C-alpha cells in the first residue's frame, strides 16, 4: 500500500521525548520543537516549575513581618526628626 508505514519487530513506533515510552499515533502530540510527547508528560514538564514552594505561606508571613517592621522603623525615624 502506498504511503503506509511498515515497522519490523525491532523498530519502535513514535516515542515520547520526555519519558521515552511509545505513543499511539492517534493520541500523539508535539512539543514546541516538533518532538512527539504524551500530553500528560508535556503538561507535567511545563508546569513543574510553576508550583509555589511547599512553605510558601510561612515565607509570605515572614516577608509581611519584615515589611511591617521596616515600616515601623521608618516611621520611628521620621518621628525622631
Protein backbone atom coordinates (compact mmCIF):
# COMPACT_ATOMS: atom_id res chain seq x y z
CA UNK A 1 0.00 0.00 0.00
CA UNK A 2 1.48 3.37 -0.97
CA UNK A 3 2.22 5.84 1.82
CA UNK A 4 1.82 3.38 4.69
CA UNK A 5 4.36 2.92 7.45
CA UNK A 6 5.85 -0.50 7.93
CA UNK A 7 7.70 -1.41 11.08
CA UNK A 8 9.66 -4.54 11.70
CA UNK A 9 9.59 -6.14 15.14
CA UNK A 10 12.87 -4.45 16.17
CA UNK A 11 11.71 -0.93 15.25
CA UNK A 12 9.87 1.26 17.69
CA UNK A 13 6.96 3.48 16.77
CA UNK A 14 6.53 7.07 17.92
CA UNK A 15 8.37 7.63 21.21
CA UNK A 16 7.78 10.39 23.77
CA UNK A 17 10.87 12.60 24.03
CA UNK A 18 10.21 13.08 27.77
CA UNK A 19 9.52 9.60 29.13
CA UNK A 20 10.84 7.52 26.17
CA UNK A 21 7.66 5.39 26.12
CA UNK A 22 5.79 4.64 22.92
CA UNK A 23 2.82 6.83 21.99
CA UNK A 24 -0.10 5.55 19.94
CA UNK A 25 -0.29 7.62 16.75
CA UNK A 26 -3.93 8.51 17.43
CA UNK A 27 -3.10 10.35 20.68
CA UNK A 28 0.38 11.68 19.95
CA UNK A 29 1.09 15.39 20.45
CA UNK A 30 4.09 17.54 19.56
CA UNK A 31 6.06 19.99 21.71
CA UNK A 32 7.33 23.40 20.56
CA UNK A 33 10.28 21.71 18.80
CA UNK A 34 8.04 19.28 16.91
CA UNK A 35 9.06 16.29 19.03
CA UNK A 36 6.49 13.65 19.97
CA UNK A 37 5.19 13.81 23.55
CA UNK A 38 2.42 12.38 25.68
CA UNK A 39 0.06 15.21 26.59
CA UNK A 40 0.41 14.33 30.29
CA UNK A 41 4.22 14.35 30.09
CA UNK A 42 4.23 17.72 28.35
CA UNK A 43 1.85 19.32 30.85
CA UNK A 44 3.82 17.91 33.78
CA UNK A 45 7.15 19.12 32.37
CA UNK A 46 5.92 22.62 31.54
CA UNK A 47 4.07 23.22 34.81
CA UNK A 48 6.52 21.61 37.22
CA UNK A 49 8.36 24.88 37.80
CA UNK A 50 5.17 26.85 38.40
CA UNK A 51 4.23 25.33 41.74
CA UNK A 52 4.78 27.51 44.78
CA UNK A 53 7.24 26.10 47.30
CA UNK A 54 5.73 23.90 49.99
CA UNK A 55 6.46 26.52 52.66
CA UNK A 56 5.11 29.46 50.65
CA UNK A 57 2.67 30.54 53.35
CA UNK A 58 5.36 30.80 56.02
CA UNK A 59 7.53 32.73 53.56
CA UNK A 60 4.69 35.19 52.92
CA UNK A 61 4.19 35.63 56.68
CA UNK A 62 7.92 36.20 57.18
CA UNK A 63 8.05 38.81 54.41
CA UNK A 64 4.96 40.58 55.81
CA UNK A 65 6.61 40.70 59.23
CA UNK A 66 9.81 42.17 57.75
CA UNK A 67 7.91 44.79 55.76
CA UNK A 68 5.84 45.81 58.80
CA UNK A 69 8.96 46.09 60.99
CA UNK A 70 10.74 48.12 58.30
CA UNK A 71 7.74 50.47 58.06
CA UNK A 72 7.76 50.86 61.87
CA UNK A 73 11.48 51.71 61.85
CA UNK A 74 10.97 54.33 59.13
CA UNK A 75 8.05 55.95 60.94
CA UNK A 76 10.04 55.96 64.22
CA UNK A 77 12.96 57.65 62.44
CA UNK A 78 10.65 60.31 60.96
CA UNK A 79 9.07 60.94 64.37
CA UNK A 80 12.52 61.41 65.95
CA UNK A 81 13.49 64.05 63.39
